[in-house]
Amino acid sequence: MNPSMILDALESRDLLALLDTVCHARGVTREELCGRRRTKNVASARQELWWHLRRSPGMSYAEIGRLFGRNHTTVMAGVRAFERTRLASAA
């Protein structure tokens, strides 16, 4: 899925503010976060966004996966990776 389609889908759910918050905090662009790049900073920002999408609007792993053109198990692994990072930084 291309980044503009992801942005349109997030906009239709009023989630662009969440996307922009994560992008600003992590120092990545919308296009990088919604794209296919897998550099560490982009991947960790994407995992954080997925974590927020699971919690806040309560999207399913499958919904997030379809939105980002990923398998639901990829999203599950990303959310778990972010949770581990989050717990480690809180300790």
PDB file of N, CA and C in Angstrom:
ATOM      1  N   MET A   1       0.854  -1.175   0.000  1.00  0.00           N
ATOM      2  CA  MET A   1       0.000   0.000   0.000  1.00  0.00           C
ATOM      3  C   MET A   1       0.898   1.235   0.000  1.00  0.00           C
ATOM      4  N   ASN A   2       0.542   2.224  -0.787  1.00  0.00           N
ATOM      5  CA  ASN A   2       1.399   3.407  -0.850  1.00  0.00           C
ATOM      6  C   ASN A   2       1.077   4.371   0.292  1.00  0.00           C
ATOM      7  N   PRO A   3       2.038   5.216   0.655  1.00  0.00           N
ATOM      8  CA  PRO A   3       1.859   6.108   1.801  1.00  0.00           C
ATOM      9  C   PRO A   3       0.634   7.011   1.707  1.00  0.00           C
ATOM     10  N   SER A   4       0.291   7.487   0.527  1.00  0.00           N
ATOM     11  CA  SER A   4      -0.865   8.385   0.418  1.00  0.00           C
ATOM     12  C   SER A   4      -2.168   7.660   0.756  1.00  0.00           C
ATOM     13  N   MET A   5      -2.262   6.377   0.432  1.00  0.00           N
ATOM     14  CA  MET A   5      -3.455   5.610   0.781  1.00  0.00           C
ATOM     15  C   MET A   5      -3.558   5.431   2.296  1.00  0.00           C
ATOM     16  N   ILE A   6      -2.423   5.223   2.944  1.00  0.00           N
ATOM     17  CA  ILE A   6      -2.409   5.087   4.405  1.00  0.00           C
ATOM     18  C   ILE A   6      -2.823   6.403   5.043  1.00  0.00           C
ATOM     19  N   LEU A   7      -2.282   7.514   4.542  1.00  0.00           N
ATOM     20  CA  LEU A   7      -2.631   8.826   5.080  1.00  0.00           C
ATOM     21  C   LEU A   7      -4.123   9.103   4.912  1.00  0.00           C
ATOM     22  N   ASP A   8      -4.680   8.755   3.760  1.00  0.00           N
ATOM     23  CA  ASP A   8      -6.115   8.946   3.526  1.00  0.00           C
ATOM     24  C   ASP A   8      -6.942   8.122   4.508  1.00  0.00           C
ATOM     25  N   ALA A   9      -6.528   6.879   4.737  1.00  0.00           N
ATOM     26  CA  ALA A   9      -7.264   6.011   5.660  1.00  0.00           C
ATOM     27  C   ALA A   9      -7.187   6.539   7.088  1.00  0.00           C
ATOM     28  N   LEU A  10      -6.024   7.017   7.506  1.00  0.00           N
ATOM     29  CA  LEU A  10      -5.888   7.575   8.851  1.00  0.00           C
ATOM     30  C   LEU A  10      -6.685   8.873   8.983  1.00  0.00           C
ATOM     31  N   GLU A  11      -6.684   9.663   7.925  1.00  0.00           N
ATOM     32  CA  GLU A  11      -7.442  10.914   7.952  1.00  0.00           C
ATOM     33  C   GLU A  11      -8.936  10.640   8.086  1.00  0.00           C
ATOM     34  N   SER A  12      -9.421   9.619   7.408  1.00  0.00           N
ATOM     35  CA  SER A  12     -10.847   9.306   7.471  1.00  0.00           C
ATOM     36  C   SER A  12     -11.265   8.854   8.873  1.00  0.00           C
ATOM     37  N   ARG A  13     -10.299   8.402   9.677  1.00  0.00           N
ATOM     38  CA  ARG A  13     -10.582   7.984  11.055  1.00  0.00           C
ATOM     39  C   ARG A  13     -10.126   9.027  12.074  1.00  0.00           C
ATOM     40  N   ASP A  14      -9.782  10.218  11.617  1.00  0.00           N
ATOM     41  CA  ASP A  14      -9.293  11.297  12.487  1.00  0.00           C
ATOM     42  C   ASP A  14      -8.073  10.873  13.294  1.00  0.00           C
ATOM     43  N   LEU A  15      -7.130  10.191  12.644  1.00  0.00           N
ATOM     44  CA  LEU A  15      -5.934   9.695  13.323  1.00  0.00           C
ATOM     45  C   LEU A  15      -4.645  10.359  12.833  1.00  0.00           C
ATOM     46  N   LEU A  16      -4.773  11.399  12.027  1.00  0.00           N
ATOM     47  CA  LEU A  16      -3.567  12.064  11.532  1.00  0.00           C
ATOM     48  C   LEU A  16      -2.804  12.754  12.664  1.00  0.00           C
ATOM     49  N   ALA A  17      -3.501  13.257  13.673  1.00  0.00           N
ATOM     50  CA  ALA A  17      -2.821  13.904  14.807  1.00  0.00           C
ATOM     51  C   ALA A  17      -1.937  12.889  15.524  1.00  0.00           C
ATOM     52  N   LEU A  18      -2.425  11.673  15.672  1.00  0.00           N
ATOM     53  CA  LEU A  18      -1.633  10.612  16.297  1.00  0.00           C
ATOM     54  C   LEU A  18      -0.398  10.312  15.448  1.00  0.00           C
ATOM     55  N   LEU A  19      -0.589  10.195  14.157  1.00  0.00           N
ATOM     56  CA  LEU A  19       0.527   9.959  13.239  1.00  0.00           C
ATOM     57  C   LEU A  19       1.561  11.081  13.348  1.00  0.00           C
ATOM     58  N   ASP A  20       1.095  12.322  13.345  1.00  0.00           N
ATOM     59  CA  ASP A  20       2.007  13.461  13.421  1.00  0.00           C
ATOM     60  C   ASP A  20       2.744  13.516  14.754  1.00  0.00           C
ATOM     61  N   THR A  21       2.088  13.138  15.832  1.00  0.00           N
ATOM     62  CA  THR A  21       2.727  13.115  17.145  1.00  0.00           C
ATOM     63  C   THR A  21       3.881  12.122  17.170  1.00  0.00           C
ATOM     64  N   VAL A  22       3.641  10.925  16.654  1.00  0.00           N
ATOM     65  CA  VAL A  22       4.689   9.899  16.609  1.00  0.00           C
ATOM     66  C   VAL A  22       5.821  10.349  15.689  1.00  0.00           C
ATOM     67  N   CYS A  23       5.485  10.896  14.530  1.00  0.00           N
ATOM     68  CA  CYS A  23       6.511  11.364  13.588  1.00  0.00           C
ATOM     69  C   CYS A  23       7.387  12.436  14.227  1.00  0.00           C
ATOM     70  N   HIS A  24       6.759  13.391  14.887  1.00  0.00           N
ATOM     71  CA  HIS A  24       7.516  14.475  15.513  1.00  0.00           C
ATOM     72  C   HIS A  24       8.408  13.947  16.636  1.00  0.00           C
ATOM     73  N   ALA A  25       7.866  13.091  17.476  1.00  0.00           N
ATOM     74  CA  ALA A  25       8.629  12.551  18.610  1.00  0.00           C
ATOM     75  C   ALA A  25       9.812  11.709  18.143  1.00  0.00           C
ATOM     76  N   ARG A  26       9.649  11.002  17.033  1.00  0.00           N
ATOM     77  CA  ARG A  26      10.687  10.088  16.540  1.00  0.00           C
ATOM     78  C   ARG A  26      11.571  10.676  15.453  1.00  0.00           C
ATOM     79  N   GLY A  27      11.221  11.872  14.969  1.00  0.00           N
ATOM     80  CA  GLY A  27      12.047  12.517  13.951  1.00  0.00           C
ATOM     81  C   GLY A  27      11.994  11.847  12.591  1.00  0.00           C
ATOM     82  N   VAL A  28      10.812  11.362  12.217  1.00  0.00           N
ATOM     83  CA  VAL A  28      10.624  10.762  10.894  1.00  0.00           C
ATOM     84  C   VAL A  28       9.475  11.473  10.192  1.00  0.00           C
ATOM     85  N   THR A  29       9.423  11.346   8.887  1.00  0.00           N
ATOM     86  CA  THR A  29       8.340  11.965   8.129  1.00  0.00           C
ATOM     87  C   THR A  29       7.159  11.007   8.023  1.00  0.00           C
ATOM     88  N   ARG A  30       6.030  11.563   7.643  1.00  0.00           N
ATOM     89  CA  ARG A  30       4.846  10.724   7.413  1.00  0.00           C
ATOM     90  C   ARG A  30       5.142   9.663   6.347  1.00  0.00           C
ATOM     91  N   GLU A  31       5.801  10.094   5.289  1.00  0.00           N
ATOM     92  CA  GLU A  31       6.086   9.189   4.173  1.00  0.00           C
ATOM     93  C   GLU A  31       7.000   8.050   4.606  1.00  0.00           C
ATOM     94  N   GLU A  32       8.005   8.359   5.438  1.00  0.00           N
ATOM     95  CA  GLU A  32       8.900   7.307   5.925  1.00  0.00           C
ATOM     96  C   GLU A  32       8.134   6.311   6.790  1.00  0.00           C
ATOM     97  N   LEU A  33       7.328   6.836   7.700  1.00  0.00           N
ATOM     98  CA  LEU A  33       6.601   5.960   8.616  1.00  0.00           C
ATOM     99  C   LEU A  33       5.596   5.076   7.876  1.00  0.00           C
ATOM    100  N   CYS A  34       4.982   5.613   6.852  1.00  0.00           N
ATOM    101  CA  CYS A  34       3.972   4.860   6.100  1.00  0.00           C
ATOM    102  C   CYS A  34       4.570   4.041   4.959  1.00  0.00           C
ATOM    103  N   GLY A  35       5.851   4.203   4.712  1.00  0.00           N
ATOM    104  CA  GLY A  35       6.503   3.510   3.605  1.00  0.00           C
ATOM    105  C   GLY A  35       7.018   2.132   3.991  1.00  0.00           C
ATOM    106  N   ARG A  36       7.969   1.638   3.197  1.00  0.00           N
ATOM    107  CA  ARG A  36       8.490   0.282   3.386  1.00  0.00           C
ATOM    108  C   ARG A  36       9.867   0.243   4.057  1.00  0.00           C
ATOM    109  N   ARG A  37      10.482   1.407   4.288  1.00  0.00           N
ATOM    110  CA  ARG A  37      11.828   1.423   4.880  1.00  0.00           C
ATOM    111  C   ARG A  37      11.832   0.709   6.221  1.00  0.00           C
ATOM    112  N   ARG A  38      12.973   0.040   6.498  1.00  0.00           N
ATOM    113  CA  ARG A  38      13.071  -0.719   7.740  1.00  0.00           C
ATOM    114  C   ARG A  38      14.262  -0.291   8.589  1.00  0.00           C
ATOM    115  N   THR A  39      14.735   0.933   8.404  1.00  0.00           N
ATOM    116  CA  THR A  39      15.810   1.394   9.263  1.00  0.00           C
ATOM    117  C   THR A  39      15.291   1.440  10.701  1.00  0.00           C
ATOM    118  N   LYS A  40      16.211   1.368  11.641  1.00  0.00           N
ATOM    119  CA  LYS A  40      15.821   1.229  13.040  1.00  0.00           C
ATOM    120  C   LYS A  40      14.886   2.348  13.505  1.00  0.00           C
ATOM    121  N   ASN A  41      15.218   3.594  13.194  1.00  0.00           N
ATOM    122  CA  ASN A  41      14.377   4.683  13.677  1.00  0.00           C
ATOM    123  C   ASN A  41      12.994   4.672  13.036  1.00  0.00           C
ATOM    124  N   VAL A  42      12.912   4.323  11.776  1.00  0.00           N
ATOM    125  CA  VAL A  42      11.615   4.270  11.091  1.00  0.00           C
ATOM    126  C   VAL A  42      10.800   3.075  11.601  1.00  0.00           C
ATOM    127  N   ALA A  43      11.429   1.926  11.737  1.00  0.00           N
ATOM    128  CA  ALA A  43      10.724   0.730  12.211  1.00  0.00           C
ATOM    129  C   ALA A  43      10.210   0.922  13.632  1.00  0.00           C
ATOM    130  N   SER A  44      11.004   1.525  14.501  1.00  0.00           N
ATOM    131  CA  SER A  44      10.549   1.720  15.883  1.00  0.00           C
ATOM    132  C   SER A  44       9.418   2.745  15.942  1.00  0.00           C
ATOM    133  N   ALA A  45       9.461   3.761  15.092  1.00  0.00           N
ATOM    134  CA  ALA A  45       8.359   4.725  15.037  1.00  0.00           C
ATOM    135  C   ALA A  45       7.085   4.051  14.538  1.00  0.00           C
ATOM    136  N   ARG A  46       7.218   3.196  13.533  1.00  0.00           N
ATOM    137  CA  ARG A  46       6.064   2.472  12.993  1.00  0.00           C
ATOM    138  C   ARG A  46       5.478   1.541  14.055  1.00  0.00           C
ATOM    139  N   GLN A  47       6.339   0.868  14.804  1.00  0.00           N
ATOM    140  CA  GLN A  47       5.868  -0.021  15.866  1.00  0.00           C
ATOM    141  C   GLN A  47       5.122   0.766  16.940  1.00  0.00           C
ATOM    142  N   GLU A  48       5.618   1.945  17.265  1.00  0.00           N
ATOM    143  CA  GLU A  48       4.926   2.780  18.250  1.00  0.00           C
ATOM    144  C   GLU A  48       3.555   3.192  17.731  1.00  0.00           C
ATOM    145  N   LEU A  49       3.481   3.578  16.468  1.00  0.00           N
ATOM    146  CA  LEU A  49       2.187   3.954  15.893  1.00  0.00           C
ATOM    147  C   LEU A  49       1.228   2.776  15.939  1.00  0.00           C
ATOM    148  N   TRP A  50       1.717   1.591  15.558  1.00  0.00           N
ATOM    149  CA  TRP A  50       0.857   0.408  15.609  1.00  0.00           C
ATOM    150  C   TRP A  50       0.361   0.166  17.024  1.00  0.00           C
ATOM    151  N   TRP A  51       1.223   0.331  18.016  1.00  0.00           N
ATOM    152  CA  TRP A  51       0.833   0.145  19.419  1.00  0.00           C
ATOM    153  C   TRP A  51      -0.296   1.107  19.787  1.00  0.00           C
ATOM    154  N   HIS A  52      -0.145   2.370  19.378  1.00  0.00           N
ATOM    155  CA  HIS A  52      -1.189   3.363  19.653  1.00  0.00           C
ATOM    156  C   HIS A  52      -2.487   3.017  18.934  1.00  0.00           C
ATOM    157  N   LEU A  53      -2.392   2.559  17.700  1.00  0.00           N
ATOM    158  CA  LEU A  53      -3.593   2.198  16.939  1.00  0.00           C
ATOM    159  C   LEU A  53      -4.324   1.016  17.579  1.00  0.00           C
ATOM    160  N   ARG A  54      -3.582   0.115  18.193  1.00  0.00           N
ATOM    161  CA  ARG A  54      -4.206  -1.016  18.907  1.00  0.00           C
ATOM    162  C   ARG A  54      -4.932  -0.527  20.156  1.00  0.00           C
ATOM    163  N   ARG A  55      -4.325   0.407  20.874  1.00  0.00           N
ATOM    164  CA  ARG A  55      -4.866   0.849  22.147  1.00  0.00           C
ATOM    165  C   ARG A  55      -5.966   1.889  22.010  1.00  0.00           C
ATOM    166  N   SER A  56      -5.703   2.957  21.288  1.00  0.00           N
ATOM    167  CA  SER A  56      -6.586   4.109  21.279  1.00  0.00           C
ATOM    168  C   SER A  56      -7.876   3.869  20.490  1.00  0.00           C
ATOM    169  N   PRO A  57      -7.802   3.676  19.167  1.00  0.00           N
ATOM    170  CA  PRO A  57      -9.067   3.387  18.481  1.00  0.00           C
ATOM    171  C   PRO A  57      -9.433   1.906  18.536  1.00  0.00           C
ATOM    172  N   GLY A  58      -8.542   1.074  19.073  1.00  0.00           N
ATOM    173  CA  GLY A  58      -8.844  -0.347  19.209  1.00  0.00           C
ATOM    174  C   GLY A  58      -8.879  -1.105  17.898  1.00  0.00           C
ATOM    175  N   MET A  59      -8.012  -0.743  16.974  1.00  0.00           N
ATOM    176  CA  MET A  59      -7.967  -1.450  15.696  1.00  0.00           C
ATOM    177  C   MET A  59      -7.388  -2.846  15.908  1.00  0.00           C
ATOM    178  N   SER A  60      -7.842  -3.797  15.112  1.00  0.00           N
ATOM    179  CA  SER A  60      -7.321  -5.156  15.198  1.00  0.00           C
ATOM    180  C   SER A  60      -5.973  -5.241  14.494  1.00  0.00           C
ATOM    181  N   TYR A  61      -5.233  -6.301  14.806  1.00  0.00           N
ATOM    182  CA  TYR A  61      -3.957  -6.522  14.130  1.00  0.00           C
ATOM    183  C   TYR A  61      -4.178  -6.643  12.617  1.00  0.00           C
ATOM    184  N   ALA A  62      -5.247  -7.318  12.245  1.00  0.00           N
ATOM    185  CA  ALA A  62      -5.542  -7.499  10.819  1.00  0.00           C
ATOM    186  C   ALA A  62      -5.846  -6.166  10.138  1.00  0.00           C
ATOM    187  N   GLU A  63      -6.605  -5.290  10.804  1.00  0.00           N
ATOM    188  CA  GLU A  63      -6.916  -3.976  10.229  1.00  0.00           C
ATOM    189  C   GLU A  63      -5.648  -3.156  10.019  1.00  0.00           C
ATOM    190  N   ILE A  64      -4.790  -3.134  11.031  1.00  0.00           N
ATOM    191  CA  ILE A  64      -3.543  -2.379  10.928  1.00  0.00           C
ATOM    192  C   ILE A  64      -2.668  -2.975   9.825  1.00  0.00           C
ATOM    193  N   GLY A  65      -2.610  -4.295   9.774  1.00  0.00           N
ATOM    194  CA  GLY A  65      -1.829  -4.965   8.739  1.00  0.00           C
ATOM    195  C   GLY A  65      -2.310  -4.622   7.345  1.00  0.00           C
ATOM    196  N   ARG A  66      -3.623  -4.655   7.135  1.00  0.00           N
ATOM    197  CA  ARG A  66      -4.173  -4.299   5.819  1.00  0.00           C
ATOM    198  C   ARG A  66      -3.847  -2.852   5.477  1.00  0.00           C
ATOM    199  N   LEU A  67      -3.963  -1.980   6.460  1.00  0.00           N
ATOM    200  CA  LEU A  67      -3.705  -0.565   6.250  1.00  0.00           C
ATOM    201  C   LEU A  67      -2.263  -0.319   5.803  1.00  0.00           C
ATOM    202  N   PHE A  68      -1.319  -1.024   6.420  1.00  0.00           N
ATOM    203  CA  PHE A  68       0.093  -0.820   6.124  1.00  0.00           C
ATOM    204  C   PHE A  68       0.659  -1.830   5.130  1.00  0.00           C
ATOM    205  N   GLY A  69      -0.196  -2.700   4.588  1.00  0.00           N
ATOM    206  CA  GLY A  69       0.279  -3.681   3.612  1.00  0.00           C
ATOM    207  C   GLY A  69       1.182  -4.722   4.244  1.00  0.00           C
ATOM    208  N   ARG A  70       0.889  -5.084   5.482  1.00  0.00           N
ATOM    209  CA  ARG A  70       1.683  -6.058   6.222  1.00  0.00           C
ATOM    210  C   ARG A  70       0.775  -7.190   6.703  1.00  0.00           C
ATOM    211  N   ASN A  71       1.382  -8.300   7.036  1.00  0.00           N
ATOM    212  CA  ASN A  71       0.668  -9.424   7.620  1.00  0.00           C
ATOM    213  C   ASN A  71       0.330  -9.084   9.068  1.00  0.00           C
ATOM    214  N   HIS A  72      -0.793  -9.605   9.576  1.00  0.00           N
ATOM    215  CA  HIS A  72      -1.170  -9.298  10.957  1.00  0.00           C
ATOM    216  C   HIS A  72      -0.125  -9.774  11.957  1.00  0.00           C
ATOM    217  N   THR A  73       0.605 -10.840  11.628  1.00  0.00           N
ATOM    218  CA  THR A  73       1.629 -11.318  12.557  1.00  0.00           C
ATOM    219  C   THR A  73       2.825 -10.365  12.612  1.00  0.00           C
ATOM    220  N   THR A  74       3.084  -9.664  11.525  1.00  0.00           N
ATOM    221  CA  THR A  74       4.128  -8.641  11.524  1.00  0.00           C
ATOM    222  C   THR A  74       3.740  -7.513  12.473  1.00  0.00           C
ATOM    223  N   VAL A  75       2.478  -7.127  12.428  1.00  0.00           N
ATOM    224  CA  VAL A  75       1.987  -6.075  13.321  1.00  0.00           C
ATOM    225  C   VAL A  75       2.052  -6.550  14.771  1.00  0.00           C
ATOM    226  N   MET A  76       1.656  -7.784  15.023  1.00  0.00           N
ATOM    227  CA  MET A  76       1.732  -8.328  16.388  1.00  0.00           C
ATOM    228  C   MET A  76       3.160  -8.280  16.912  1.00  0.00           C
ATOM    229  N   ALA A  77       4.106  -8.708  16.102  1.00  0.00           N
ATOM    230  CA  ALA A  77       5.511  -8.702  16.502  1.00  0.00           C
ATOM    231  C   ALA A  77       5.991  -7.275  16.747  1.00  0.00           C
ATOM    232  N   GLY A  78       5.568  -6.342  15.930  1.00  0.00           N
ATOM    233  CA  GLY A  78       5.957  -4.947  16.103  1.00  0.00           C
ATOM    234  C   GLY A  78       5.409  -4.339  17.371  1.00  0.00           C
ATOM    235  N   VAL A  79       4.151  -4.626  17.670  1.00  0.00           N
ATOM    236  CA  VAL A  79       3.536  -4.114  18.897  1.00  0.00           C
ATOM    237  C   VAL A  79       4.239  -4.699  20.120  1.00  0.00           C
ATOM    238  N   ARG A  80       4.527  -5.984  20.080  1.00  0.00           N
ATOM    239  CA  ARG A  80       5.242  -6.613  21.204  1.00  0.00           C
ATOM    240  C   ARG A  80       6.644  -6.040  21.364  1.00  0.00           C
ATOM    241  N   ALA A  81       7.323  -5.789  20.263  1.00  0.00           N
ATOM    242  CA  ALA A  81       8.664  -5.203  20.327  1.00  0.00           C
ATOM    243  C   ALA A  81       8.604  -3.818  20.962  1.00  0.00           C
ATOM    244  N   PHE A  82       7.607  -3.024  20.592  1.00  0.00           N
ATOM    245  CA  PHE A  82       7.474  -1.701  21.196  1.00  0.00           C
ATOM    246  C   PHE A  82       7.172  -1.818  22.684  1.00  0.00           C
ATOM    247  N   GLU A  83       6.311  -2.755  23.067  1.00  0.00           N
ATOM    248  CA  GLU A  83       5.994  -2.941  24.486  1.00  0.00           C
ATOM    249  C   GLU A  83       7.236  -3.315  25.284  1.00  0.00           C
ATOM    250  N   ARG A  84       8.080  -4.181  24.733  1.00  0.00           N
ATOM    251  CA  ARG A  84       9.321  -4.549  25.425  1.00  0.00           C
ATOM    252  C   ARG A  84      10.230  -3.338  25.596  1.00  0.00           C
ATOM    253  N   THR A  85      10.352  -2.551  24.548  1.00  0.00           N
ATOM    254  CA  THR A  85      11.174  -1.346  24.600  1.00  0.00           C
ATOM    255  C   THR A  85      10.620  -0.353  25.631  1.00  0.00           C
ATOM    256  N   ARG A  86       9.328  -0.217  25.631  1.00  0.00           N
ATOM    257  CA  ARG A  86       8.656   0.703  26.549  1.00  0.00           C
ATOM    258  C   ARG A  86       8.857   0.277  27.989  1.00  0.00           C
ATOM    259  N   LEU A  87       8.721  -1.009  28.252  1.00  0.00           N
ATOM    260  CA  LEU A  87       8.919  -1.524  29.610  1.00  0.00           C
ATOM    261  C   LEU A  87      10.373  -1.377  30.052  1.00  0.00           C
ATOM    262  N   ALA A  88      11.290  -1.618  29.132  1.00  0.00           N
ATOM    263  CA  ALA A  88      12.724  -1.523  29.462  1.00  0.00           C
ATOM    264  C   ALA A  88      13.107  -0.088  29.789  1.00  0.00           C
ATOM    265  N   SER A  89      12.533   0.889  29.083  1.00  0.00           N
ATOM    266  CA  SER A  89      12.883   2.279  29.341  1.00  0.00           C
ATOM    267  C   SER A  89      12.216   2.796  30.606  1.00  0.00           C
ATOM    268  N   ALA A  90      11.122   2.171  31.029  1.00  0.00           N
ATOM    269  CA  ALA A  90      10.426   2.589  32.257  1.00  0.00           C
ATOM    270  C   ALA A  90      11.140   2.062  33.496  1.00  0.00           C
ATOM    271  N   ALA A  91      11.931   1.009  33.351  1.00  0.00           N
ATOM    272  CA  ALA A  91      12.595   0.392  34.510  1.00  0.00           C
ATOM    273  C   ALA A  91      13.845   1.109  34.932  1.00  0.00           C
TER     274      ALA A  91
END
